[in-house]
Amino acid sequence: MVRHAIVLGIAALGIVSVTAGRSMAGEALADRCPQYPAHLRIARAYLARSDSAAAIAELRRADEALGSCLREEAAGNSLLARHGHRIRAS
């Protein structure tokens, strides 16, 4: 059971990493979505301690953080999008 959870967690990590790499090419992922790699680091630490349940929960948080960043970017609400469109004072 634990081995299955670890394999599932590693597979999810790989899928999310590949998706993020394609979507956010040209700039460091950590700069565009700092929550995502933070959750991945925590998940890795849980896996190192053989706490697969916590690692899987953290991978889900990483996936949610990445999804949020991608939605913001698509809507033009990312920090980068706002930087290029400064509001002028009247």
Protein backbone atom coordinates (compact mmCIF):
# COMPACT_ATOMS: atom_id res chain seq x y z
CA MET A 1 0.00 0.00 0.00
CA VAL A 2 2.74 2.47 0.98
CA ARG A 3 4.81 1.56 -2.06
CA HIS A 4 1.81 2.17 -4.32
CA ALA A 5 1.28 5.60 -2.75
CA ILE A 6 4.93 6.53 -3.25
CA VAL A 7 4.85 5.47 -6.90
CA LEU A 8 1.63 7.44 -7.38
CA GLY A 9 3.18 10.51 -5.75
CA ILE A 10 6.30 10.36 -7.89
CA ALA A 11 4.19 9.91 -11.04
CA ALA A 12 2.06 12.92 -10.12
CA LEU A 13 5.18 14.96 -9.46
CA GLY A 14 6.55 14.07 -12.88
CA ILE A 15 3.33 14.93 -14.70
CA VAL A 16 2.95 18.26 -12.95
CA SER A 17 6.60 19.13 -13.56
CA VAL A 18 6.36 18.45 -17.29
CA THR A 19 3.14 20.45 -17.58
CA ALA A 20 4.63 23.38 -15.71
CA GLY A 21 7.77 23.36 -17.83
CA ARG A 22 5.81 23.61 -21.06
CA SER A 23 3.37 26.22 -19.81
CA MET A 24 5.85 28.59 -18.27
CA ALA A 25 8.77 28.39 -20.69
CA GLY A 26 11.10 31.35 -20.85
CA GLU A 27 11.16 32.26 -17.18
CA ALA A 28 12.05 30.42 -14.03
CA LEU A 29 9.07 28.63 -12.55
CA ALA A 30 10.09 29.65 -9.05
CA ASP A 31 9.86 33.31 -10.08
CA ARG A 32 6.47 32.96 -11.71
CA CYS A 33 4.85 30.68 -9.15
CA PRO A 34 6.91 30.49 -5.95
CA GLN A 35 4.29 28.44 -4.09
CA TYR A 36 4.66 25.52 -6.52
CA PRO A 37 8.33 24.61 -5.91
CA ALA A 38 7.89 25.25 -2.20
CA HIS A 39 5.19 22.57 -2.05
CA LEU A 40 7.36 20.22 -4.12
CA ARG A 41 10.27 20.63 -1.70
CA ILE A 42 7.99 19.85 1.24
CA ALA A 43 6.63 16.77 -0.58
CA ARG A 44 10.17 15.56 -1.21
CA ALA A 45 10.98 15.94 2.48
CA TYR A 46 7.90 13.89 3.41
CA LEU A 47 8.93 11.17 0.95
CA ALA A 48 12.42 11.11 2.46
CA ARG A 49 10.77 10.41 5.84
CA SER A 50 8.54 7.73 4.24
CA ASP A 51 5.40 9.73 5.01
CA SER A 52 3.63 9.04 1.73
CA ALA A 53 0.22 10.30 2.85
CA ALA A 54 1.62 13.73 3.72
CA ALA A 55 3.70 13.75 0.52
CA ILE A 56 0.65 13.07 -1.63
CA ALA A 57 -1.32 15.80 0.17
CA GLU A 58 1.55 18.22 -0.46
CA LEU A 59 1.70 17.21 -4.14
CA ARG A 60 -1.99 18.05 -4.39
CA ARG A 61 -1.25 21.47 -2.88
CA ALA A 62 1.53 21.94 -5.43
CA ASP A 63 -0.86 21.05 -8.23
CA GLU A 64 -3.44 23.52 -6.89
CA ALA A 65 -0.80 26.26 -6.62
CA LEU A 66 0.36 25.65 -10.17
CA GLY A 67 -3.22 25.63 -11.46
CA SER A 68 -3.85 28.93 -9.71
CA CYS A 69 -0.75 30.49 -11.25
CA LEU A 70 -1.70 29.26 -14.71
CA ARG A 71 -5.26 30.60 -14.36
CA GLU A 72 -3.95 33.99 -13.21
CA GLU A 73 -1.51 34.09 -16.09
CA ALA A 74 -4.20 33.18 -18.60
CA ALA A 75 -6.46 35.91 -17.21
CA GLY A 76 -3.65 38.46 -17.30
CA ASN A 77 -3.64 38.80 -13.52
CA SER A 78 -0.12 37.52 -12.92
CA LEU A 79 2.51 39.74 -11.40
CA LEU A 80 4.25 39.80 -14.76
CA ALA A 81 1.11 40.86 -16.60
CA ARG A 82 0.42 43.63 -14.09
CA HIS A 83 4.01 44.85 -14.31
CA GLY A 84 3.60 45.60 -18.01
CA HIS A 85 0.27 47.44 -17.59
CA ARG A 86 0.79 50.10 -14.98
CA ILE A 87 -2.15 52.27 -14.08
CA ARG A 88 -1.58 55.96 -14.73
CA ALA A 89 -2.53 58.47 -12.10
CA SER A 90 -5.11 61.04 -13.23
